[in-house]
Protein backbone atom coordinates (compact mmCIF):
# COMPACT_ATOMS: atom_id res chain seq x y z
CA UNK A 1 15.93 -18.14 -3.69
CA UNK A 2 19.40 -17.83 -2.16
CA UNK A 3 21.58 -14.85 -3.01
CA UNK A 4 25.25 -15.51 -2.45
CA UNK A 5 27.43 -12.77 -0.87
CA UNK A 6 28.44 -10.17 -3.42
CA UNK A 7 25.55 -10.98 -5.78
CA UNK A 8 22.16 -9.30 -6.05
CA UNK A 9 18.51 -9.96 -6.80
CA UNK A 10 15.64 -7.74 -7.84
CA UNK A 11 11.85 -7.64 -7.81
CA UNK A 12 9.35 -5.43 -9.60
CA UNK A 13 7.34 -3.03 -7.47
CA UNK A 14 4.01 -1.65 -8.66
CA UNK A 15 2.72 1.49 -6.93
CA UNK A 16 -0.81 2.87 -7.26
CA UNK A 17 -0.91 6.63 -6.72
CA UNK A 18 -2.74 7.88 -3.63
CA UNK A 19 -4.75 10.26 -5.80
CA UNK A 20 -6.50 7.27 -7.39
CA UNK A 21 -8.39 6.65 -4.13
CA UNK A 22 -9.65 10.15 -3.30
CA UNK A 23 -10.05 11.42 0.27
CA UNK A 24 -10.87 7.94 1.65
CA UNK A 25 -7.13 7.35 1.21
CA UNK A 26 -6.18 10.03 3.77
CA UNK A 27 -3.01 10.92 1.78
CA UNK A 28 0.30 11.90 3.42
CA UNK A 29 3.64 12.95 1.93
CA UNK A 30 6.38 10.32 2.35
CA UNK A 31 10.12 10.38 1.73
CA UNK A 32 11.13 6.70 1.84
CA UNK A 33 10.13 3.07 1.51
CA UNK A 34 10.99 0.84 4.46
CA UNK A 35 12.10 -2.63 3.34
CA UNK A 36 12.85 -5.73 5.39
CA UNK A 37 15.14 -8.09 3.45
CA UNK A 38 14.19 -11.77 3.66
CA UNK A 39 15.39 -13.33 6.92
CA UNK A 40 16.31 -9.95 8.42
CA UNK A 41 14.79 -7.99 11.27
CA UNK A 42 16.73 -4.84 10.31
CA UNK A 43 14.93 -2.44 7.99
CA UNK A 44 16.48 -0.63 5.04
CA UNK A 45 15.28 2.87 4.13
CA UNK A 46 15.12 3.61 0.40
CA UNK A 47 14.60 7.25 -0.61
CA UNK A 48 11.27 7.56 -2.46
CA UNK A 49 9.17 10.73 -2.36
CA UNK A 50 5.47 10.10 -3.00
CA UNK A 51 2.05 10.27 -1.38
CA UNK A 52 0.97 7.30 0.70
CA UNK A 53 -2.48 6.44 1.99
CA UNK A 54 -2.95 6.72 5.74
CA UNK A 55 -5.95 4.37 5.51
CA UNK A 56 -4.66 0.87 6.42
CA UNK A 57 -7.42 -0.76 4.35
CA UNK A 58 -5.84 0.54 1.13
CA UNK A 59 -2.85 -1.30 -0.33
CA UNK A 60 -0.81 0.77 -2.77
CA UNK A 61 2.19 -1.51 -3.30
CA UNK A 62 2.44 -4.88 -5.00
CA UNK A 63 5.74 -6.80 -5.19
CA UNK A 64 6.28 -8.90 -8.31
CA UNK A 65 8.43 -12.05 -8.51
CA UNK A 66 12.09 -12.03 -7.52
CA UNK A 67 14.88 -12.71 -10.00
CA UNK A 68 18.66 -12.71 -10.07
């Protein structure tokens, strides 16, 4: 998908709460999501307060399909 300058695109993001995993999650407070736009090596920081799992074997986020 190509997004022309001045236009935008979006994608759904599903988040599973850290509390769903119990202590194996090793929960930590967070204040932002770090996003790398396609084709970019520069990260964007998006304010988002939540608890994230410190256990790298647990995936809490799932990105749905992109759309314009």
